[in-house]
Amino acid sequence: MEASHPPLHRRILAALSFRNISAIYIFVVIFITFSLWVPDTFLKLDTWKAMIDSQAVTAVLAVGLVIALSARAFDLAIGAELGLGAVLVSWLLVNKGLAIPVAIGLTLLVGALVGLVNGLLIVRVKIDSFIATLGMSSVLLAMIAWVSDSQQILGLPDGFQKLGTTEILGLTLPVYLMLAVALVVWYVLERTPAGRRVYATGGNIDAARLAGVRVSLVTVGALVSCGMIAAFAGCLVSANLGAGDPTIGPAYLLPAFSSAFLGSTQFRGGRFNVWGTVVAVYVLATGVKGLQLAGAPVWIPDLFNGAALLLAVGLAKYEATASRAGAVARLLRLDRGRGGGMPGATAAGSAR
């Protein structure tokens, strides 16, 4: 018997359910709360423009992280990869006098190389991704200090700074570049065989291997892409700041992971996805901005992002458990419908 689709109204209710778009409902609550609490500052157009602009880099980084997480590789070096990109592009422009396209291209190449090393440590040396990327993070922080001499690199060319400050329709260029990166990554993950292999590897690596997926190549490719996007995010940071700051990388790690995990609970039923992640970035940023405008202490962003990460991981685990339970329930209903009963129960009955 062919499986029938649920009625339209049930599909609509499922799409609008809290489980599917909880971040949207959380955003509505946050918006109403701070609109009533600090309306004079929270509702100002300049506040929202500044927040959208400032979170573009976080969104780029989180989108890159989605690729790695979708292949079940936890890149704990992603903050340091951003920091290396920020310092390296500045060093190439100021100290070596390279042209802007060449400096950016070399920085992206180095980011890809870092991702390649991460991938090889995981698939060839068989080091767990947590340990491999945590160790790589420490190595990269040392490289950042060495390249920059632990000092800001100043005097970036005006043409490069325009990459981070040029406004189009009231928003800076990084916002549009973030959307472009998100669109490309979304298309690859959701609409191409390569993306299906990434999700298959992350979903069940043994089953993917048995199905003929070259899981080692997929893992390495995911980390290379993640490293390259992180380096690009670093270029955007330096262009926006007008300097190469050796201290900025680690601050992006927690927001990126919080957004990626919270985003996995949106739209796709527990699966890491691009647009859920982008939405999560701005929902979390709205909460932090509201608390800051209300006069909250300076440590509030760390507390908020840490709590959000714990909540998001819990929700993601719940989604995965609920999905497995639903699959088992469907199998049991199908089995009963065929009149077969559970295989174990049948065997037991025969034995008696």
C-alpha atoms as a PDB file:
ATOM      1  CA  MET A   1       0.000   0.000   0.000  1.00  0.00           C
ATOM      2  CA  GLU A   2       1.411   3.373  -1.011  1.00  0.00           C
ATOM      3  CA  ALA A   3       2.109   5.857   1.774  1.00  0.00           C
ATOM      4  CA  SER A   4      -0.289   8.785   1.699  1.00  0.00           C
ATOM      5  CA  HIS A   5       0.774  12.355   2.385  1.00  0.00           C
ATOM      6  CA  PRO A   6      -0.752  14.051   5.444  1.00  0.00           C
ATOM      7  CA  PRO A   7      -3.503  16.597   4.763  1.00  0.00           C
ATOM      8  CA  LEU A   8      -2.469  20.133   3.824  1.00  0.00           C
ATOM      9  CA  HIS A   9      -3.627  21.649   7.110  1.00  0.00           C
ATOM     10  CA  ARG A  10      -1.485  19.184   9.049  1.00  0.00           C
ATOM     11  CA  ARG A  11       1.563  20.022   6.944  1.00  0.00           C
ATOM     12  CA  ILE A  12       0.957  23.726   7.577  1.00  0.00           C
ATOM     13  CA  LEU A  13       0.575  23.164  11.318  1.00  0.00           C
ATOM     14  CA  ALA A  14       3.757  21.090  11.338  1.00  0.00           C
ATOM     15  CA  ALA A  15       5.638  23.814   9.454  1.00  0.00           C
ATOM     16  CA  LEU A  16       4.428  26.443  11.932  1.00  0.00           C
ATOM     17  CA  SER A  17       4.957  24.313  15.028  1.00  0.00           C
ATOM     18  CA  PHE A  18       7.281  25.445  17.800  1.00  0.00           C
ATOM     19  CA  ARG A  19       9.510  22.429  17.178  1.00  0.00           C
ATOM     20  CA  ASN A  20      10.067  23.507  13.577  1.00  0.00           C
ATOM     21  CA  ILE A  21      10.486  27.283  13.915  1.00  0.00           C
ATOM     22  CA  SER A  22      11.112  27.835  17.609  1.00  0.00           C
ATOM     23  CA  ALA A  23      13.721  30.531  16.856  1.00  0.00           C
ATOM     24  CA  ILE A  24      11.066  32.643  15.142  1.00  0.00           C
ATOM     25  CA  TYR A  25       8.799  32.473  18.183  1.00  0.00           C
ATOM     26  CA  ILE A  26      11.752  33.214  20.475  1.00  0.00           C
ATOM     27  CA  PHE A  27      12.594  36.229  18.325  1.00  0.00           C
ATOM     28  CA  VAL A  28       9.016  37.520  18.623  1.00  0.00           C
ATOM     29  CA  VAL A  29       9.180  37.209  22.419  1.00  0.00           C
ATOM     30  CA  ILE A  30      12.566  38.954  22.541  1.00  0.00           C
ATOM     31  CA  PHE A  31      11.371  41.724  20.235  1.00  0.00           C
ATOM     32  CA  ILE A  32       8.209  42.418  22.254  1.00  0.00           C
ATOM     33  CA  THR A  33      10.089  42.288  25.562  1.00  0.00           C
ATOM     34  CA  PHE A  34      12.765  44.812  24.653  1.00  0.00           C
ATOM     35  CA  SER A  35      10.368  46.975  22.648  1.00  0.00           C
ATOM     36  CA  LEU A  36       8.502  47.520  25.908  1.00  0.00           C
ATOM     37  CA  TRP A  37      11.610  47.618  28.115  1.00  0.00           C
ATOM     38  CA  VAL A  38      13.958  49.959  26.173  1.00  0.00           C
ATOM     39  CA  PRO A  39      11.868  51.290  23.271  1.00  0.00           C
ATOM     40  CA  ASP A  40      13.882  54.498  22.820  1.00  0.00           C
ATOM     41  CA  THR A  41      17.035  52.615  21.793  1.00  0.00           C
ATOM     42  CA  PHE A  42      15.902  49.100  20.818  1.00  0.00           C
ATOM     43  CA  LEU A  43      13.452  50.294  18.173  1.00  0.00           C
ATOM     44  CA  LYS A  44      15.819  52.740  16.500  1.00  0.00           C
ATOM     45  CA  LEU A  45      16.625  51.964  12.873  1.00  0.00           C
ATOM     46  CA  ASP A  46      20.329  52.656  13.471  1.00  0.00           C
ATOM     47  CA  THR A  47      20.394  49.980  16.177  1.00  0.00           C
ATOM     48  CA  TRP A  48      19.063  47.338  13.792  1.00  0.00           C
ATOM     49  CA  LYS A  49      21.315  48.379  10.925  1.00  0.00           C
ATOM     50  CA  ALA A  50      24.361  48.188  13.174  1.00  0.00           C
ATOM     51  CA  MET A  51      23.344  44.765  14.488  1.00  0.00           C
ATOM     52  CA  ILE A  52      22.697  43.344  11.027  1.00  0.00           C
ATOM     53  CA  ASP A  53      26.054  44.652   9.833  1.00  0.00           C
ATOM     54  CA  SER A  54      28.021  43.479  12.870  1.00  0.00           C
ATOM     55  CA  GLN A  55      26.642  39.932  12.762  1.00  0.00           C
ATOM     56  CA  ALA A  56      27.393  39.323   9.091  1.00  0.00           C
ATOM     57  CA  VAL A  57      30.846  37.915   9.877  1.00  0.00           C
ATOM     58  CA  THR A  58      29.447  35.636  12.593  1.00  0.00           C
ATOM     59  CA  ALA A  59      26.875  34.365  10.101  1.00  0.00           C
ATOM     60  CA  VAL A  60      29.571  33.682   7.476  1.00  0.00           C
ATOM     61  CA  LEU A  61      31.603  31.750  10.029  1.00  0.00           C
ATOM     62  CA  ALA A  62      28.580  29.798  11.282  1.00  0.00           C
ATOM     63  CA  VAL A  63      27.620  28.853   7.712  1.00  0.00           C
ATOM     64  CA  GLY A  64      31.129  27.504   7.172  1.00  0.00           C
ATOM     65  CA  LEU A  65      30.835  25.547  10.408  1.00  0.00           C
ATOM     66  CA  VAL A  66      27.566  24.001   9.163  1.00  0.00           C
ATOM     67  CA  ILE A  67      29.515  22.218   6.434  1.00  0.00           C
ATOM     68  CA  ALA A  68      31.894  20.599   8.920  1.00  0.00           C
ATOM     69  CA  LEU A  69      29.180  19.727  11.430  1.00  0.00           C
ATOM     70  CA  SER A  70      27.016  18.218   8.691  1.00  0.00           C
ATOM     71  CA  ALA A  71      29.855  15.756   8.077  1.00  0.00           C
ATOM     72  CA  ARG A  72      30.094  15.231  11.878  1.00  0.00           C
ATOM     73  CA  ALA A  73      33.443  17.008  12.196  1.00  0.00           C
ATOM     74  CA  PHE A  74      33.651  19.430  15.118  1.00  0.00           C
ATOM     75  CA  ASP A  75      36.010  22.223  14.078  1.00  0.00           C
ATOM     76  CA  LEU A  76      37.017  23.822  17.377  1.00  0.00           C
ATOM     77  CA  ALA A  77      39.742  25.735  15.528  1.00  0.00           C
ATOM     78  CA  ILE A  78      37.284  27.805  13.524  1.00  0.00           C
ATOM     79  CA  GLY A  79      37.730  30.912  15.680  1.00  0.00           C
ATOM     80  CA  ALA A  80      41.509  30.707  15.344  1.00  0.00           C
ATOM     81  CA  GLU A  81      41.118  30.116  11.594  1.00  0.00           C
ATOM     82  CA  LEU A  82      39.197  33.392  11.369  1.00  0.00           C
ATOM     83  CA  GLY A  83      41.890  35.120  13.425  1.00  0.00           C
ATOM     84  CA  LEU A  84      44.637  33.761  11.191  1.00  0.00           C
ATOM     85  CA  GLY A  85      42.787  34.967   8.105  1.00  0.00           C
ATOM     86  CA  ALA A  86      42.370  38.441   9.617  1.00  0.00           C
ATOM     87  CA  VAL A  87      46.058  38.771  10.516  1.00  0.00           C
ATOM     88  CA  LEU A  88      47.467  37.064   7.440  1.00  0.00           C
ATOM     89  CA  VAL A  89      45.608  39.184   4.890  1.00  0.00           C
ATOM     90  CA  SER A  90      46.655  42.328   6.782  1.00  0.00           C
ATOM     91  CA  TRP A  91      50.280  41.186   6.905  1.00  0.00           C
ATOM     92  CA  LEU A  92      50.318  40.398   3.193  1.00  0.00           C
ATOM     93  CA  LEU A  93      48.829  43.779   2.325  1.00  0.00           C
ATOM     94  CA  VAL A  94      50.900  45.956   4.658  1.00  0.00           C
ATOM     95  CA  ASN A  95      54.185  44.136   5.163  1.00  0.00           C
ATOM     96  CA  LYS A  96      54.491  42.504   1.752  1.00  0.00           C
ATOM     97  CA  GLY A  97      52.658  45.107  -0.329  1.00  0.00           C
ATOM     98  CA  LEU A  98      50.672  42.560  -2.328  1.00  0.00           C
ATOM     99  CA  ALA A  99      47.661  43.495  -4.420  1.00  0.00           C
ATOM    100  CA  ILE A 100      44.310  43.102  -2.702  1.00  0.00           C
ATOM    101  CA  PRO A 101      43.036  40.165  -4.845  1.00  0.00           C
ATOM    102  CA  VAL A 102      46.347  38.323  -4.440  1.00  0.00           C
ATOM    103  CA  ALA A 103      46.420  38.828  -0.657  1.00  0.00           C
ATOM    104  CA  ILE A 104      42.834  37.622  -0.280  1.00  0.00           C
ATOM    105  CA  GLY A 105      43.456  34.652  -2.580  1.00  0.00           C
ATOM    106  CA  LEU A 106      46.539  33.555  -0.642  1.00  0.00           C
ATOM    107  CA  THR A 107      44.669  33.935   2.638  1.00  0.00           C
ATOM    108  CA  LEU A 108      41.841  31.707   1.385  1.00  0.00           C
ATOM    109  CA  LEU A 109      44.440  29.193   0.203  1.00  0.00           C
ATOM    110  CA  VAL A 110      46.044  29.103   3.646  1.00  0.00           C
ATOM    111  CA  GLY A 111      42.599  28.663   5.214  1.00  0.00           C
ATOM    112  CA  ALA A 112      41.967  25.706   2.909  1.00  0.00           C
ATOM    113  CA  LEU A 113      45.388  24.273   3.832  1.00  0.00           C
ATOM    114  CA  VAL A 114      44.550  24.492   7.532  1.00  0.00           C
ATOM    115  CA  GLY A 115      41.300  22.645   6.835  1.00  0.00           C
ATOM    116  CA  LEU A 116      43.227  20.029   4.863  1.00  0.00           C
ATOM    117  CA  VAL A 117      45.591  19.414   7.783  1.00  0.00           C
ATOM    118  CA  ASN A 118      42.615  19.127  10.142  1.00  0.00           C
ATOM    119  CA  GLY A 119      40.975  16.627   7.825  1.00  0.00           C
ATOM    120  CA  LEU A 120      44.096  14.492   7.435  1.00  0.00           C
ATOM    121  CA  LEU A 121      44.649  14.415  11.186  1.00  0.00           C
ATOM    122  CA  ILE A 122      41.107  13.072  11.569  1.00  0.00           C
ATOM    123  CA  VAL A 123      40.878  10.559   8.708  1.00  0.00           C
ATOM    124  CA  ARG A 124      44.512   9.434   8.381  1.00  0.00           C
ATOM    125  CA  VAL A 125      46.017   9.805  11.846  1.00  0.00           C
ATOM    126  CA  LYS A 126      42.621   8.842  13.358  1.00  0.00           C
ATOM    127  CA  ILE A 127      42.579  11.644  15.927  1.00  0.00           C
ATOM    128  CA  ASP A 128      39.116  12.579  17.153  1.00  0.00           C
ATOM    129  CA  SER A 129      37.918  15.833  15.588  1.00  0.00           C
ATOM    130  CA  PHE A 130      37.573  17.489  19.009  1.00  0.00           C
ATOM    131  CA  ILE A 131      41.217  16.812  19.895  1.00  0.00           C
ATOM    132  CA  ALA A 132      42.639  17.439  16.424  1.00  0.00           C
ATOM    133  CA  THR A 133      40.982  20.826  15.964  1.00  0.00           C
ATOM    134  CA  LEU A 134      41.546  21.880  19.573  1.00  0.00           C
ATOM    135  CA  GLY A 135      45.250  21.233  19.125  1.00  0.00           C
ATOM    136  CA  MET A 136      45.204  23.015  15.774  1.00  0.00           C
ATOM    137  CA  SER A 137      43.556  26.009  17.436  1.00  0.00           C
ATOM    138  CA  SER A 138      46.503  26.358  19.797  1.00  0.00           C
ATOM    139  CA  VAL A 139      48.950  26.054  16.907  1.00  0.00           C
ATOM    140  CA  LEU A 140      47.119  28.740  14.933  1.00  0.00           C
ATOM    141  CA  LEU A 141      47.025  31.122  17.893  1.00  0.00           C
ATOM    142  CA  ALA A 142      50.795  30.766  18.131  1.00  0.00           C
ATOM    143  CA  MET A 143      51.124  31.462  14.399  1.00  0.00           C
ATOM    144  CA  ILE A 144      48.922  34.552  14.751  1.00  0.00           C
ATOM    145  CA  ALA A 145      51.129  35.898  17.555  1.00  0.00           C
ATOM    146  CA  TRP A 146      54.255  35.167  15.497  1.00  0.00           C
ATOM    147  CA  VAL A 147      53.023  36.793  12.279  1.00  0.00           C
ATOM    148  CA  SER A 148      51.622  39.891  14.001  1.00  0.00           C
ATOM    149  CA  ASP A 149      54.211  40.122  16.784  1.00  0.00           C
ATOM    150  CA  SER A 150      51.120  40.277  19.036  1.00  0.00           C
ATOM    151  CA  GLN A 151      50.403  43.784  17.739  1.00  0.00           C
ATOM    152  CA  GLN A 152      47.653  45.163  15.542  1.00  0.00           C
ATOM    153  CA  ILE A 153      48.662  45.514  11.900  1.00  0.00           C
ATOM    154  CA  LEU A 154      47.667  49.018  10.830  1.00  0.00           C
ATOM    155  CA  GLY A 155      47.704  50.948   7.564  1.00  0.00           C
ATOM    156  CA  LEU A 156      45.475  48.714   5.447  1.00  0.00           C
ATOM    157  CA  PRO A 157      44.781  50.064   1.933  1.00  0.00           C
ATOM    158  CA  ASP A 158      41.613  52.109   1.500  1.00  0.00           C
ATOM    159  CA  GLY A 159      40.461  49.803  -1.290  1.00  0.00           C
ATOM    160  CA  PHE A 160      40.564  46.843   1.050  1.00  0.00           C
ATOM    161  CA  GLN A 161      38.747  48.682   3.826  1.00  0.00           C
ATOM    162  CA  LYS A 162      35.927  49.465   1.410  1.00  0.00           C
ATOM    163  CA  LEU A 163      35.218  45.738   1.347  1.00  0.00           C
ATOM    164  CA  GLY A 164      33.985  46.056   4.919  1.00  0.00           C
ATOM    165  CA  THR A 165      32.507  49.554   4.942  1.00  0.00           C
ATOM    166  CA  THR A 166      30.821  50.131   1.568  1.00  0.00           C
ATOM    167  CA  GLU A 167      27.069  50.561   2.019  1.00  0.00           C
ATOM    168  CA  ILE A 168      24.396  49.358  -0.403  1.00  0.00           C
ATOM    169  CA  LEU A 169      20.782  50.227   0.398  1.00  0.00           C
ATOM    170  CA  GLY A 170      21.760  51.082   3.953  1.00  0.00           C
ATOM    171  CA  LEU A 171      23.618  47.839   4.702  1.00  0.00           C
ATOM    172  CA  THR A 172      27.337  47.197   4.425  1.00  0.00           C
ATOM    173  CA  LEU A 173      28.835  44.924   1.788  1.00  0.00           C
ATOM    174  CA  PRO A 174      29.628  42.039   4.233  1.00  0.00           C
ATOM    175  CA  VAL A 175      25.870  41.477   4.679  1.00  0.00           C
ATOM    176  CA  TYR A 176      25.465  40.820   0.954  1.00  0.00           C
ATOM    177  CA  LEU A 177      28.619  38.704   0.848  1.00  0.00           C
ATOM    178  CA  MET A 178      27.237  36.665   3.753  1.00  0.00           C
ATOM    179  CA  LEU A 179      24.012  36.065   1.851  1.00  0.00           C
ATOM    180  CA  ALA A 180      26.010  35.032  -1.222  1.00  0.00           C
ATOM    181  CA  VAL A 181      28.105  32.553   0.777  1.00  0.00           C
ATOM    182  CA  ALA A 182      24.971  31.202   2.476  1.00  0.00           C
ATOM    183  CA  LEU A 183      23.209  30.753  -0.869  1.00  0.00           C
ATOM    184  CA  VAL A 184      26.131  28.852  -2.387  1.00  0.00           C
ATOM    185  CA  VAL A 185      26.554  26.581   0.648  1.00  0.00           C
ATOM    186  CA  TRP A 186      22.788  25.975   0.825  1.00  0.00           C
ATOM    187  CA  TYR A 187      22.690  25.001  -2.844  1.00  0.00           C
ATOM    188  CA  VAL A 188      25.636  22.620  -2.535  1.00  0.00           C
ATOM    189  CA  LEU A 189      24.333  20.924   0.620  1.00  0.00           C
ATOM    190  CA  GLU A 190      20.681  20.693  -0.370  1.00  0.00           C
ATOM    191  CA  ARG A 191      20.710  20.390  -4.152  1.00  0.00           C
ATOM    192  CA  THR A 192      23.819  18.470  -5.207  1.00  0.00           C
ATOM    193  CA  PRO A 193      25.119  14.903  -4.837  1.00  0.00           C
ATOM    194  CA  ALA A 194      28.114  16.280  -2.919  1.00  0.00           C
ATOM    195  CA  GLY A 195      25.777  17.742  -0.313  1.00  0.00           C
ATOM    196  CA  ARG A 196      23.863  14.476   0.007  1.00  0.00           C
ATOM    197  CA  ARG A 197      27.153  12.682   0.619  1.00  0.00           C
ATOM    198  CA  VAL A 198      28.039  15.196   3.334  1.00  0.00           C
ATOM    199  CA  TYR A 199      24.721  14.634   5.120  1.00  0.00           C
ATOM    200  CA  ALA A 200      25.015  10.866   4.670  1.00  0.00           C
ATOM    201  CA  THR A 201      28.475  10.889   6.226  1.00  0.00           C
ATOM    202  CA  GLY A 202      27.297  12.957   9.153  1.00  0.00           C
ATOM    203  CA  GLY A 203      24.130  10.914   9.614  1.00  0.00           C
ATOM    204  CA  ASN A 204      25.712   7.468   9.711  1.00  0.00           C
ATOM    205  CA  ILE A 205      29.298   7.155   8.581  1.00  0.00           C
ATOM    206  CA  ASP A 206      29.271   3.336   8.475  1.00  0.00           C
ATOM    207  CA  ALA A 207      26.095   3.183   6.410  1.00  0.00           C
ATOM    208  CA  ALA A 208      27.464   5.868   4.078  1.00  0.00           C
ATOM    209  CA  ARG A 209      30.665   3.881   3.618  1.00  0.00           C
ATOM    210  CA  LEU A 210      28.717   0.727   2.826  1.00  0.00           C
ATOM    211  CA  ALA A 211      26.681   2.720   0.297  1.00  0.00           C
ATOM    212  CA  GLY A 212      29.866   3.615  -1.556  1.00  0.00           C
ATOM    213  CA  VAL A 213      30.442   7.122  -0.207  1.00  0.00           C
ATOM    214  CA  ARG A 214      34.119   7.984   0.151  1.00  0.00           C
ATOM    215  CA  VAL A 215      33.626   9.244   3.680  1.00  0.00           C
ATOM    216  CA  SER A 216      37.274  10.192   4.244  1.00  0.00           C
ATOM    217  CA  LEU A 217      37.248  12.421   1.183  1.00  0.00           C
ATOM    218  CA  VAL A 218      33.932  13.953   2.248  1.00  0.00           C
ATOM    219  CA  THR A 219      35.247  14.744   5.741  1.00  0.00           C
ATOM    220  CA  VAL A 220      38.424  16.326   4.405  1.00  0.00           C
ATOM    221  CA  GLY A 221      36.480  18.319   1.821  1.00  0.00           C
ATOM    222  CA  ALA A 222      34.066  19.607   4.475  1.00  0.00           C
ATOM    223  CA  LEU A 223      36.930  20.809   6.674  1.00  0.00           C
ATOM    224  CA  VAL A 224      38.753  22.403   3.727  1.00  0.00           C
ATOM    225  CA  SER A 225      35.589  24.323   2.828  1.00  0.00           C
ATOM    226  CA  CYS A 226      35.094  25.310   6.460  1.00  0.00           C
ATOM    227  CA  GLY A 227      38.676  26.569   6.740  1.00  0.00           C
ATOM    228  CA  MET A 228      38.411  28.581   3.540  1.00  0.00           C
ATOM    229  CA  ILE A 229      35.155  30.247   4.615  1.00  0.00           C
ATOM    230  CA  ALA A 230      36.635  31.001   8.050  1.00  0.00           C
ATOM    231  CA  ALA A 231      39.616  32.690   6.370  1.00  0.00           C
ATOM    232  CA  PHE A 232      37.220  34.726   4.237  1.00  0.00           C
ATOM    233  CA  ALA A 233      35.384  35.790   7.389  1.00  0.00           C
ATOM    234  CA  GLY A 234      38.734  36.911   8.778  1.00  0.00           C
ATOM    235  CA  CYS A 235      39.305  39.067   5.704  1.00  0.00           C
ATOM    236  CA  LEU A 236      35.923  40.713   6.264  1.00  0.00           C
ATOM    237  CA  VAL A 237      36.766  41.414   9.916  1.00  0.00           C
ATOM    238  CA  SER A 238      40.022  43.154   9.022  1.00  0.00           C
ATOM    239  CA  ALA A 239      38.354  45.133   6.246  1.00  0.00           C
ATOM    240  CA  ASN A 240      35.690  46.310   8.671  1.00  0.00           C
ATOM    241  CA  LEU A 241      38.096  47.164  11.494  1.00  0.00           C
ATOM    242  CA  GLY A 242      40.723  48.694   9.226  1.00  0.00           C
ATOM    243  CA  ALA A 243      43.378  46.655  11.028  1.00  0.00           C
ATOM    244  CA  GLY A 244      44.578  43.117  11.580  1.00  0.00           C
ATOM    245  CA  ASP A 245      43.766  42.340  15.223  1.00  0.00           C
ATOM    246  CA  PRO A 246      45.505  39.210  16.610  1.00  0.00           C
ATOM    247  CA  THR A 247      43.030  38.847  19.493  1.00  0.00           C
ATOM    248  CA  ILE A 248      39.655  38.680  17.764  1.00  0.00           C
ATOM    249  CA  GLY A 249      39.418  35.042  16.641  1.00  0.00           C
ATOM    250  CA  PRO A 250      38.454  33.144  19.816  1.00  0.00           C
ATOM    251  CA  ALA A 251      35.500  35.472  20.494  1.00  0.00           C
ATOM    252  CA  TYR A 252      33.730  34.113  17.411  1.00  0.00           C
ATOM    253  CA  LEU A 253      33.924  30.428  18.400  1.00  0.00           C
ATOM    254  CA  LEU A 254      31.015  30.247  20.853  1.00  0.00           C
ATOM    255  CA  PRO A 255      28.542  32.360  18.809  1.00  0.00           C
ATOM    256  CA  ALA A 256      29.258  30.259  15.709  1.00  0.00           C
ATOM    257  CA  PHE A 257      28.626  26.959  17.504  1.00  0.00           C
ATOM    258  CA  SER A 258      25.560  28.309  19.326  1.00  0.00           C
ATOM    259  CA  SER A 259      24.056  29.494  16.053  1.00  0.00           C
ATOM    260  CA  ALA A 260      24.830  26.287  14.159  1.00  0.00           C
ATOM    261  CA  PHE A 261      23.287  24.054  16.822  1.00  0.00           C
ATOM    262  CA  LEU A 262      20.264  26.280  17.367  1.00  0.00           C
ATOM    263  CA  GLY A 263      19.893  26.480  13.601  1.00  0.00           C
ATOM    264  CA  SER A 264      19.847  22.680  13.379  1.00  0.00           C
ATOM    265  CA  THR A 265      16.552  22.675  15.293  1.00  0.00           C
ATOM    266  CA  GLN A 266      14.941  24.970  12.720  1.00  0.00           C
ATOM    267  CA  PHE A 267      13.223  24.054   9.451  1.00  0.00           C
ATOM    268  CA  ARG A 268      14.990  20.713   8.876  1.00  0.00           C
ATOM    269  CA  GLY A 269      14.010  18.592  11.882  1.00  0.00           C
ATOM    270  CA  GLY A 270      17.320  18.325  13.698  1.00  0.00           C
ATOM    271  CA  ARG A 271      19.628  18.542  10.680  1.00  0.00           C
ATOM    272  CA  PHE A 272      22.314  21.208  10.380  1.00  0.00           C
ATOM    273  CA  ASN A 273      21.203  23.662   7.719  1.00  0.00           C
ATOM    274  CA  VAL A 274      22.187  27.060   6.387  1.00  0.00           C
ATOM    275  CA  TRP A 275      19.074  29.199   6.713  1.00  0.00           C
ATOM    276  CA  GLY A 276      18.225  27.955  10.181  1.00  0.00           C
ATOM    277  CA  THR A 277      21.761  28.931  11.192  1.00  0.00           C
ATOM    278  CA  VAL A 278      21.512  32.422   9.701  1.00  0.00           C
ATOM    279  CA  VAL A 279      18.197  32.976  11.498  1.00  0.00           C
ATOM    280  CA  ALA A 280      19.738  31.711  14.750  1.00  0.00           C
ATOM    281  CA  VAL A 281      22.652  34.161  14.446  1.00  0.00           C
ATOM    282  CA  TYR A 282      20.318  37.131  14.375  1.00  0.00           C
ATOM    283  CA  VAL A 283      17.945  35.793  17.028  1.00  0.00           C
ATOM    284  CA  LEU A 284      20.844  35.386  19.464  1.00  0.00           C
ATOM    285  CA  ALA A 285      22.266  38.770  18.482  1.00  0.00           C
ATOM    286  CA  THR A 286      18.895  40.416  19.100  1.00  0.00           C
ATOM    287  CA  GLY A 287      18.771  38.987  22.611  1.00  0.00           C
ATOM    288  CA  VAL A 288      22.313  40.117  23.390  1.00  0.00           C
ATOM    289  CA  LYS A 289      21.729  43.590  21.952  1.00  0.00           C
ATOM    290  CA  GLY A 290      18.527  44.016  23.945  1.00  0.00           C
ATOM    291  CA  LEU A 291      20.253  43.066  27.183  1.00  0.00           C
ATOM    292  CA  GLN A 292      23.154  45.413  26.453  1.00  0.00           C
ATOM    293  CA  LEU A 293      20.786  48.310  25.752  1.00  0.00           C
ATOM    294  CA  ALA A 294      18.974  47.533  28.992  1.00  0.00           C
ATOM    295  CA  GLY A 295      22.227  48.060  30.903  1.00  0.00           C
ATOM    296  CA  ALA A 296      23.207  44.432  31.486  1.00  0.00           C
ATOM    297  CA  PRO A 297      26.808  43.680  32.609  1.00  0.00           C
ATOM    298  CA  VAL A 298      29.541  43.239  30.011  1.00  0.00           C
ATOM    299  CA  TRP A 299      29.717  39.479  30.614  1.00  0.00           C
ATOM    300  CA  ILE A 300      26.127  38.987  29.429  1.00  0.00           C
ATOM    301  CA  PRO A 301      27.056  38.026  25.801  1.00  0.00           C
ATOM    302  CA  ASP A 302      29.211  35.110  27.002  1.00  0.00           C
ATOM    303  CA  LEU A 303      26.486  33.960  29.403  1.00  0.00           C
ATOM    304  CA  PHE A 304      23.768  34.307  26.764  1.00  0.00           C
ATOM    305  CA  ASN A 305      25.702  32.462  24.044  1.00  0.00           C
ATOM    306  CA  GLY A 306      26.818  29.723  26.440  1.00  0.00           C
ATOM    307  CA  ALA A 307      23.272  29.135  27.678  1.00  0.00           C
ATOM    308  CA  ALA A 308      22.023  29.205  24.083  1.00  0.00           C
ATOM    309  CA  LEU A 309      24.583  26.566  23.077  1.00  0.00           C
ATOM    310  CA  LEU A 310      23.533  24.262  25.928  1.00  0.00           C
ATOM    311  CA  LEU A 311      19.861  24.744  25.072  1.00  0.00           C
ATOM    312  CA  ALA A 312      20.480  24.251  21.356  1.00  0.00           C
ATOM    313  CA  VAL A 313      22.453  21.027  21.860  1.00  0.00           C
ATOM    314  CA  GLY A 314      19.702  19.752  24.158  1.00  0.00           C
ATOM    315  CA  LEU A 315      17.047  20.555  21.579  1.00  0.00           C
ATOM    316  CA  ALA A 316      19.100  18.939  18.819  1.00  0.00           C
ATOM    317  CA  LYS A 317      19.463  15.764  20.892  1.00  0.00           C
ATOM    318  CA  TYR A 318      15.737  15.806  21.588  1.00  0.00           C
ATOM    319  CA  GLU A 319      14.974  16.194  17.870  1.00  0.00           C
ATOM    320  CA  ALA A 320      17.226  13.253  17.020  1.00  0.00           C
ATOM    321  CA  THR A 321      15.681  11.060  19.722  1.00  0.00           C
ATOM    322  CA  ALA A 322      12.144  12.006  18.679  1.00  0.00           C
ATOM    323  CA  SER A 323      12.975  11.293  15.037  1.00  0.00           C
ATOM    324  CA  ARG A 324      14.317   7.825  15.876  1.00  0.00           C
ATOM    325  CA  ALA A 325      11.325   7.092  18.108  1.00  0.00           C
ATOM    326  CA  GLY A 326       8.955   8.156  15.319  1.00  0.00           C
ATOM    327  CA  ALA A 327      10.737   5.907  12.844  1.00  0.00           C
ATOM    328  CA  VAL A 328      10.474   2.924  15.212  1.00  0.00           C
ATOM    329  CA  ALA A 329       6.775   3.642  15.812  1.00  0.00           C
ATOM    330  CA  ARG A 330       6.108   3.765  12.065  1.00  0.00           C
ATOM    331  CA  LEU A 331       7.885   0.445  11.571  1.00  0.00           C
ATOM    332  CA  LEU A 332       5.855  -1.168  14.356  1.00  0.00           C
ATOM    333  CA  ARG A 333       2.582   0.138  12.904  1.00  0.00           C
ATOM    334  CA  LEU A 334       3.567  -1.147   9.468  1.00  0.00           C
ATOM    335  CA  ASP A 335       4.484  -4.517  10.919  1.00  0.00           C
ATOM    336  CA  ARG A 336       1.173  -4.812  12.793  1.00  0.00           C
ATOM    337  CA  GLY A 337      -0.696  -3.751   9.653  1.00  0.00           C
ATOM    338  CA  ARG A 338       0.876  -6.667   7.812  1.00  0.00           C
ATOM    339  CA  GLY A 339      -0.214  -8.988  10.614  1.00  0.00           C
ATOM    340  CA  GLY A 340       3.289 -10.169  11.255  1.00  0.00           C
ATOM    341  CA  GLY A 341       3.799  -8.907  14.779  1.00  0.00           C
ATOM    342  CA  MET A 342       7.272  -8.278  16.119  1.00  0.00           C
ATOM    343  CA  PRO A 343       9.819 -10.840  14.965  1.00  0.00           C
ATOM    344  CA  GLY A 344      11.044 -11.386  18.502  1.00  0.00           C
ATOM    345  CA  ALA A 345       7.523 -11.912  19.806  1.00  0.00           C
ATOM    346  CA  THR A 346       6.758 -14.421  17.039  1.00  0.00           C
ATOM    347  CA  ALA A 347       9.846 -16.397  17.818  1.00  0.00           C
ATOM    348  CA  ALA A 348       9.028 -16.401  21.487  1.00  0.00           C
ATOM    349  CA  GLY A 349       5.474 -17.596  20.774  1.00  0.00           C
ATOM    350  CA  SER A 350       6.796 -20.415  18.605  1.00  0.00           C
ATOM    351  CA  ALA A 351       9.191 -21.506  21.316  1.00  0.00           C
ATOM    352  CA  ARG A 352       6.334 -21.716  23.827  1.00  0.00           C
END
